[in-house]
N, C-alpha and C. Protein backbone atom coordinates (compact mmCIF):
# COMPACT_ATOMS: atom_id res chain seq x y z
N UNK A 1 129.87 273.46 205.94
CA UNK A 1 130.91 274.41 206.04
C UNK A 1 131.95 273.89 204.94
N UNK A 2 132.47 274.81 204.19
CA UNK A 2 133.62 274.36 203.05
C UNK A 2 134.60 274.99 203.57
N UNK A 3 134.76 276.51 203.81
CA UNK A 3 135.94 277.34 203.97
C UNK A 3 135.47 278.03 205.27
N UNK A 4 136.52 277.93 206.43
CA UNK A 4 136.32 278.69 207.35
C UNK A 4 137.65 279.55 207.77
N UNK A 5 137.34 280.52 208.62
CA UNK A 5 138.18 281.38 209.08
C UNK A 5 138.26 281.47 210.64
N UNK A 6 139.51 281.22 211.44
CA UNK A 6 139.37 280.88 212.71
C UNK A 6 140.18 281.99 213.32
N UNK A 7 139.83 283.11 213.96
CA UNK A 7 140.87 284.18 214.56
C UNK A 7 141.43 283.61 215.62
N UNK A 8 142.54 283.67 216.00
CA UNK A 8 143.45 283.08 217.14
C UNK A 8 144.05 284.39 217.87
N UNK A 9 143.87 284.64 219.07
CA UNK A 9 144.61 285.56 219.76
C UNK A 9 145.46 284.82 220.92
N UNK A 10 145.47 283.62 220.90
CA UNK A 10 146.35 282.85 222.11
C UNK A 10 145.22 282.80 223.24
N UNK A 11 144.36 283.00 223.32
CA UNK A 11 143.42 282.65 224.43
C UNK A 11 142.85 281.31 224.47
N UNK A 12 142.40 280.64 225.54
CA UNK A 12 141.72 279.63 225.61
C UNK A 12 140.49 279.41 224.87
N UNK A 13 139.68 280.56 224.83
CA UNK A 13 138.65 280.77 224.19
C UNK A 13 138.68 280.40 222.62
N UNK A 14 139.84 281.25 222.02
CA UNK A 14 139.91 280.86 220.64
C UNK A 14 140.51 279.50 220.06
N UNK A 15 141.23 279.08 221.16
CA UNK A 15 141.57 277.59 221.11
C UNK A 15 140.63 276.34 220.95
N UNK A 16 139.24 276.84 221.94
CA UNK A 16 138.23 276.06 222.01
C UNK A 16 137.57 276.20 220.56
N UNK A 17 137.66 277.42 219.97
CA UNK A 17 136.91 277.36 218.46
C UNK A 17 137.91 276.46 217.71
N UNK A 18 138.96 276.25 217.71
CA UNK A 18 139.81 275.23 216.98
C UNK A 18 139.12 273.91 217.31
N UNK A 19 139.09 273.61 218.54
CA UNK A 19 138.61 272.29 219.14
C UNK A 19 137.18 271.77 218.50
N UNK A 20 136.44 273.17 218.52
CA UNK A 20 134.92 272.75 218.10
C UNK A 20 135.02 272.37 216.67
N UNK A 21 135.76 273.03 215.70
CA UNK A 21 135.94 272.61 214.22
C UNK A 21 136.47 271.22 214.08
N UNK A 22 137.49 270.78 215.21
CA UNK A 22 138.06 269.34 215.10
C UNK A 22 137.00 268.50 215.34
N UNK A 23 136.13 268.79 216.64
CA UNK A 23 135.18 268.13 216.99
C UNK A 23 134.09 267.82 215.97
N UNK A 24 133.77 268.88 215.19
CA UNK A 24 132.80 268.89 214.19
C UNK A 24 133.20 267.81 213.07
N UNK A 25 134.28 267.97 212.62
CA UNK A 25 134.87 267.28 211.49
C UNK A 25 135.04 265.89 211.96
N UNK A 26 135.36 265.48 213.44
CA UNK A 26 135.43 263.94 213.64
C UNK A 26 133.92 263.26 213.75
N UNK A 27 132.80 264.09 213.55
CA UNK A 27 131.63 263.81 213.64
C UNK A 27 130.89 263.82 212.58
N UNK A 28 131.90 264.08 211.39
CA UNK A 28 131.21 264.02 209.79
C UNK A 28 130.39 265.37 209.79
N UNK A 29 130.16 266.46 210.63
CA UNK A 29 129.47 267.37 210.35
C UNK A 29 130.16 268.28 209.36
N UNK A 30 131.44 268.25 208.92
CA UNK A 30 132.03 269.17 208.10
C UNK A 30 132.71 268.15 206.91
N UNK A 31 132.97 268.44 205.72
CA UNK A 31 133.37 267.81 204.81
C UNK A 31 135.01 267.47 205.12
N UNK A 32 135.70 266.47 204.64
CA UNK A 32 136.89 266.07 205.16
C UNK A 32 137.86 267.09 204.30
N UNK A 33 137.45 267.69 203.28
CA UNK A 33 138.09 268.61 202.33
C UNK A 33 137.94 270.14 202.68
N UNK A 34 137.50 270.29 204.12
CA UNK A 34 137.23 271.66 204.54
C UNK A 34 138.52 272.68 204.45
N UNK A 35 138.32 273.77 204.03
CA UNK A 35 139.37 274.71 203.84
C UNK A 35 139.50 275.59 205.25
N UNK A 36 140.58 275.45 205.90
CA UNK A 36 140.75 276.29 207.01
C UNK A 36 141.71 277.28 207.15
N UNK A 37 141.46 278.28 207.58
CA UNK A 37 142.34 279.64 207.58
C UNK A 37 142.48 279.97 209.12
N UNK A 38 143.84 279.93 209.57
CA UNK A 38 143.83 280.75 211.06
C UNK A 38 144.49 281.82 210.77
N UNK A 39 143.83 282.70 211.50
CA UNK A 39 144.73 284.30 211.52
C UNK A 39 144.85 284.84 213.17
N UNK A 40 145.77 285.41 212.79
CA UNK A 40 146.33 286.23 214.20
C UNK A 40 146.56 287.43 213.57
N UNK A 41 145.87 288.58 214.25
CA UNK A 41 146.12 289.93 213.99
C UNK A 41 146.68 290.65 215.06
N UNK A 42 147.99 291.31 214.82
CA UNK A 42 148.65 291.91 215.80
C UNK A 42 148.29 293.46 215.64
N UNK A 43 148.19 294.07 216.81
CA UNK A 43 148.03 295.35 216.72
C UNK A 43 149.15 296.34 216.30
N UNK A 44 149.00 297.25 215.46
CA UNK A 44 149.95 298.15 215.14
C UNK A 44 150.96 298.70 216.16
N UNK A 45 152.13 298.70 216.16
CA UNK A 45 153.13 299.54 217.21
C UNK A 45 152.76 300.82 216.85
N UNK A 46 153.11 301.79 218.03
CA UNK A 46 153.10 303.20 217.90
C UNK A 46 153.96 303.66 216.78
N UNK A 47 153.40 304.74 215.96
CA UNK A 47 154.12 305.36 214.99
C UNK A 47 155.65 305.80 215.53
N UNK A 48 155.76 306.08 216.82
CA UNK A 48 157.02 306.70 217.31
C UNK A 48 158.12 305.71 217.46
N UNK A 49 157.54 304.38 217.56
CA UNK A 49 158.71 303.19 217.54
C UNK A 49 159.35 303.24 216.25
N UNK A 50 158.92 303.67 215.31
CA UNK A 50 159.83 303.45 213.80
C UNK A 50 161.10 304.47 213.86
N UNK A 51 160.92 305.43 214.89
CA UNK A 51 162.05 306.33 214.85
C UNK A 51 163.27 305.69 215.53
N UNK A 52 163.02 304.73 216.39
CA UNK A 52 164.16 303.96 216.97
C UNK A 52 164.19 302.60 216.61
N UNK A 53 163.57 301.95 215.73
CA UNK A 53 163.46 300.67 215.39
C UNK A 53 163.37 300.37 213.90
N UNK A 54 163.97 299.69 213.14
CA UNK A 54 164.00 299.55 211.77
C UNK A 54 162.60 298.98 211.57
N UNK A 55 162.07 299.03 210.14
CA UNK A 55 160.88 298.67 209.58
C UNK A 55 161.05 297.05 209.64
N UNK A 56 162.15 296.55 209.26
CA UNK A 56 162.23 295.03 209.18
C UNK A 56 162.27 294.47 210.49
N UNK A 57 162.76 295.14 211.55
CA UNK A 57 162.74 294.63 212.82
C UNK A 57 161.25 294.72 213.38
N UNK A 58 160.54 295.49 213.09
CA UNK A 58 159.11 295.65 213.41
C UNK A 58 158.34 294.37 212.82
N UNK A 59 158.47 294.36 211.43
CA UNK A 59 157.80 293.33 210.69
C UNK A 59 158.31 291.90 211.29
N UNK A 60 159.51 291.85 211.71
CA UNK A 60 159.95 290.43 212.13
C UNK A 60 159.33 290.26 213.75
N UNK A 61 159.34 291.36 214.48
CA UNK A 61 158.42 291.16 215.81
C UNK A 61 157.05 290.85 215.54
N UNK A 62 156.32 291.40 214.68
CA UNK A 62 154.87 291.09 214.31
C UNK A 62 154.78 289.54 213.99
N UNK A 63 155.77 289.18 213.01
CA UNK A 63 155.60 287.86 212.52
C UNK A 63 156.05 286.65 213.72
N UNK A 64 156.98 286.90 214.55
CA UNK A 64 157.41 286.22 215.59
C UNK A 64 156.47 286.13 216.67
N UNK A 65 155.74 287.36 217.12
CA UNK A 65 154.53 287.17 217.74
C UNK A 65 153.35 286.35 217.42
N UNK A 66 152.94 286.60 216.13
CA UNK A 66 151.94 285.90 215.34
C UNK A 66 152.31 284.20 215.46
N UNK A 67 153.47 284.04 215.47
CA UNK A 67 154.09 282.63 215.27
C UNK A 67 153.86 281.81 216.78
N UNK A 68 154.19 282.80 217.68
CA UNK A 68 153.81 282.02 218.96
C UNK A 68 152.35 281.95 219.43
N UNK A 69 151.67 283.04 218.98
CA UNK A 69 150.05 282.89 219.43
C UNK A 69 149.42 281.81 218.65
N UNK A 70 149.95 281.51 217.23
CA UNK A 70 149.28 280.53 216.50
C UNK A 70 149.75 279.36 216.71
N UNK A 71 150.74 278.86 217.66
CA UNK A 71 151.55 277.56 217.82
C UNK A 71 150.33 276.79 218.32
N UNK A 72 149.64 276.86 219.31
CA UNK A 72 148.75 275.94 220.08
C UNK A 72 147.70 275.65 218.99
N UNK A 73 146.95 276.40 218.35
CA UNK A 73 145.98 276.21 217.16
C UNK A 73 146.48 275.31 216.26
N UNK A 74 147.75 275.50 215.63
CA UNK A 74 148.45 274.61 214.67
C UNK A 74 148.70 273.25 215.26
N UNK A 75 149.25 273.19 216.50
CA UNK A 75 149.46 271.93 217.00
C UNK A 75 148.17 271.08 217.27
N UNK A 76 146.91 271.57 217.35
CA UNK A 76 145.70 270.82 217.54
C UNK A 76 145.31 270.36 216.02
N UNK A 77 145.47 271.18 215.17
CA UNK A 77 145.18 270.88 213.53
C UNK A 77 146.11 269.85 213.16
N UNK A 78 147.20 270.14 213.50
CA UNK A 78 148.46 268.84 213.07
C UNK A 78 147.88 267.71 213.71
N UNK A 79 147.75 267.65 215.10
CA UNK A 79 147.32 266.34 215.67
C UNK A 79 146.19 265.69 215.13
N UNK A 80 145.37 266.48 214.56
CA UNK A 80 144.04 265.96 214.17
C UNK A 80 144.11 265.79 212.61
N UNK A 81 145.53 265.92 211.93
CA UNK A 81 145.56 265.66 210.68
C UNK A 81 144.73 266.50 209.50
N UNK A 82 144.44 267.83 210.07
CA UNK A 82 143.67 268.73 209.26
C UNK A 82 144.80 269.58 208.42
N UNK A 83 144.45 269.92 207.20
CA UNK A 83 145.21 270.94 206.53
C UNK A 83 144.75 272.31 206.92
N UNK A 84 145.51 273.30 206.97
CA UNK A 84 145.17 274.64 207.20
C UNK A 84 146.25 275.40 206.54
N UNK A 85 145.69 276.85 206.58
CA UNK A 85 146.66 277.91 206.15
C UNK A 85 146.72 278.92 207.49
N UNK A 86 148.11 279.37 207.81
CA UNK A 86 148.11 280.36 209.00
C UNK A 86 148.58 281.49 208.56
N UNK A 87 147.81 282.67 209.03
CA UNK A 87 148.08 284.10 208.38
C UNK A 87 148.37 285.04 209.67
N UNK A 88 149.31 285.78 209.31
CA UNK A 88 149.80 286.64 210.41
C UNK A 88 149.45 287.99 209.80
N UNK A 89 148.61 288.87 210.32
CA UNK A 89 148.29 290.23 209.87
C UNK A 89 148.55 291.37 211.07
N UNK A 90 148.67 292.44 210.55
CA UNK A 90 148.73 293.78 211.41
C UNK A 90 147.78 294.63 211.09
N UNK A 91 146.86 295.07 212.16
CA UNK A 91 145.74 296.03 211.89
C UNK A 91 144.85 295.75 213.18
N UNK A 92 143.54 296.65 212.66
CA UNK A 92 142.61 296.44 213.72
C UNK A 92 141.82 295.11 213.58
N UNK A 93 141.62 294.42 214.45
CA UNK A 93 141.36 292.92 214.55
C UNK A 93 140.05 292.49 213.95
N UNK A 94 139.07 293.18 214.02
CA UNK A 94 137.71 293.10 213.45
C UNK A 94 137.66 293.35 212.33
N UNK A 95 138.21 294.34 211.70
CA UNK A 95 138.34 294.93 210.28
C UNK A 95 139.07 293.66 209.37
N UNK A 96 140.24 293.43 209.94
CA UNK A 96 141.39 292.35 209.28
C UNK A 96 140.28 291.02 209.26
N UNK A 97 139.88 290.70 210.11
CA UNK A 97 138.98 289.46 210.33
C UNK A 97 138.06 289.43 209.25
N UNK A 98 137.12 290.45 209.00
CA UNK A 98 136.04 290.48 208.05
C UNK A 98 136.83 290.42 206.52
N UNK A 99 137.65 291.21 206.45
CA UNK A 99 138.24 291.69 205.02
C UNK A 99 138.69 290.17 204.71
N UNK A 100 139.57 289.31 205.44
CA UNK A 100 140.10 287.99 205.20
C UNK A 100 138.86 287.05 205.08
N UNK A 101 137.82 287.13 205.78
CA UNK A 101 136.83 286.10 205.59
C UNK A 101 136.13 286.24 204.10
N UNK A 102 136.02 287.79 203.83
CA UNK A 102 135.60 287.83 202.37
C UNK A 102 136.57 287.41 201.18
N UNK A 103 138.01 287.73 201.33
CA UNK A 103 138.89 287.48 200.51
C UNK A 103 139.22 285.93 200.38
N UNK A 104 138.99 285.10 201.44
CA UNK A 104 139.09 283.59 201.30
C UNK A 104 137.74 283.09 200.94
N UNK A 105 136.69 283.88 200.93
CA UNK A 105 135.37 283.39 200.28
C UNK A 105 134.70 282.36 201.60
N UNK A 106 134.87 282.77 202.91
CA UNK A 106 134.59 281.76 203.72
C UNK A 106 133.12 281.56 203.99
N UNK A 107 132.75 280.59 204.32
CA UNK A 107 131.38 280.26 204.46
C UNK A 107 131.00 280.42 206.00
N UNK A 108 131.92 280.39 206.80
CA UNK A 108 131.71 280.77 208.25
C UNK A 108 132.88 281.31 208.86
N UNK A 109 133.01 281.90 209.94
CA UNK A 109 133.99 282.38 210.60
C UNK A 109 133.56 281.78 212.06
N UNK A 110 134.62 280.96 212.56
CA UNK A 110 134.47 280.39 213.98
C UNK A 110 135.36 281.10 215.08
N UNK A 111 134.62 281.60 216.04
CA UNK A 111 135.49 282.44 217.01
C UNK A 111 135.23 282.37 218.45
N UNK A 112 136.12 282.55 219.28
CA UNK A 112 135.76 282.49 220.66
C UNK A 112 134.78 283.94 221.09
N UNK A 113 134.08 283.52 222.19
CA UNK A 113 133.45 284.79 222.56
C UNK A 113 134.06 285.87 223.24
N UNK A 114 135.13 285.57 223.77
CA UNK A 114 136.01 286.76 224.29
C UNK A 114 137.54 286.21 224.26
N UNK A 115 138.31 286.97 224.22
CA UNK A 115 139.71 286.74 224.17
C UNK A 115 140.70 287.70 225.09
N UNK A 116 141.85 287.85 224.65
CA UNK A 116 142.62 288.84 225.45
C UNK A 116 142.41 290.13 225.21
N UNK A 117 141.21 290.71 225.19
CA UNK A 117 141.13 291.87 224.92
C UNK A 117 140.99 292.82 226.01
N UNK A 118 140.57 294.12 225.85
CA UNK A 118 140.42 295.08 227.04
C UNK A 118 139.60 294.45 228.49
N UNK A 119 139.65 295.14 229.43
CA UNK A 119 138.95 294.80 230.60
C UNK A 119 137.36 295.02 230.30
N UNK A 120 137.14 295.85 229.60
CA UNK A 120 135.87 296.43 229.07
C UNK A 120 134.86 295.26 228.64
N UNK A 121 135.63 294.32 228.02
CA UNK A 121 134.97 293.19 227.43
C UNK A 121 134.29 292.18 228.75
N UNK A 122 132.89 292.17 228.58
CA UNK A 122 132.19 291.54 229.45
C UNK A 122 131.77 290.14 229.21
N UNK A 123 130.72 290.08 228.34
CA UNK A 123 130.15 288.94 228.28
C UNK A 123 130.74 288.46 226.70
N UNK A 124 130.79 289.23 225.87
CA UNK A 124 131.12 288.92 224.48
C UNK A 124 132.25 290.18 224.06
N UNK A 125 133.36 289.87 223.59
CA UNK A 125 134.23 290.78 223.44
C UNK A 125 134.06 291.52 222.40
N UNK A 126 134.75 293.02 222.50
CA UNK A 126 134.33 293.85 221.35
C UNK A 126 134.87 293.56 220.00
N UNK A 127 135.89 292.81 219.95
CA UNK A 127 136.36 292.12 218.48
C UNK A 127 135.21 291.34 217.96
N UNK A 128 134.80 290.29 218.67
CA UNK A 128 133.74 289.37 218.38
C UNK A 128 132.50 290.24 217.99
N UNK A 129 132.04 291.15 218.93
CA UNK A 129 130.93 291.82 218.54
C UNK A 129 130.92 292.43 217.20
N UNK A 130 132.07 293.12 217.10
CA UNK A 130 132.15 293.93 215.75
C UNK A 130 132.11 292.79 214.64
N UNK A 131 132.73 292.09 214.65
CA UNK A 131 132.85 290.89 213.75
C UNK A 131 131.21 290.20 213.30
N UNK A 132 130.56 290.07 214.39
CA UNK A 132 129.37 289.52 214.43
C UNK A 132 128.30 290.42 213.43
N UNK A 133 128.46 291.60 213.90
CA UNK A 133 127.71 292.88 213.13
C UNK A 133 128.13 293.05 211.59
N UNK A 134 129.57 293.06 211.40
CA UNK A 134 129.95 293.31 210.15
C UNK A 134 130.24 292.30 209.13
N UNK A 135 130.29 291.27 209.57
CA UNK A 135 130.70 289.87 208.71
C UNK A 135 129.58 289.67 207.67
N UNK A 136 129.77 289.15 206.60
CA UNK A 136 128.65 288.85 205.58
C UNK A 136 128.37 287.33 205.63
N UNK A 137 129.20 286.52 206.38
CA UNK A 137 128.98 285.15 206.48
C UNK A 137 128.58 284.80 207.98
N UNK A 138 127.96 283.62 208.09
CA UNK A 138 127.65 283.25 209.36
C UNK A 138 129.01 283.25 210.38
N UNK A 139 128.71 283.68 211.52
CA UNK A 139 129.76 283.74 212.70
C UNK A 139 129.28 282.73 213.58
N UNK A 140 130.02 281.59 213.97
CA UNK A 140 129.57 280.58 214.91
C UNK A 140 130.63 281.05 216.14
N UNK A 141 129.96 281.31 217.34
CA UNK A 141 130.70 281.62 218.47
C UNK A 141 130.93 280.47 219.57
N UNK A 142 132.09 280.29 220.16
CA UNK A 142 132.36 279.34 220.95
C UNK A 142 132.64 279.67 222.35
N UNK A 143 132.00 279.14 223.22
CA UNK A 143 132.47 279.78 224.54
C UNK A 143 133.60 278.89 225.15
């Protein structure tokens, strides 16, 4: 693993994916200079919101929400002394995750098996399942 993407939705499962990478690094299973990208994908707000709230306020809202969600993962990586990039995106989660993994030329995506998705998620979340099916790089799932 040289470059990894870790989607973070704020769930304990997504934070365990970060812990997995840190543990792998501490066991020398990944190189010291690994390039880590954290990403939080916010769902777009309804088109009707734009009638009442400015574009700038919507952008600020998404940025602030992503910052809150990424806080735990960032704290873990900071404590481990690992460098990383943190990215806040808006869109359909699985599509954005796969697009970023390709853009960053990631060797792996490390993600939780389920997160804060819909009640319909039973064993593997729908976002996770879509990423596994569409991603061109290996996807490591962490329970």
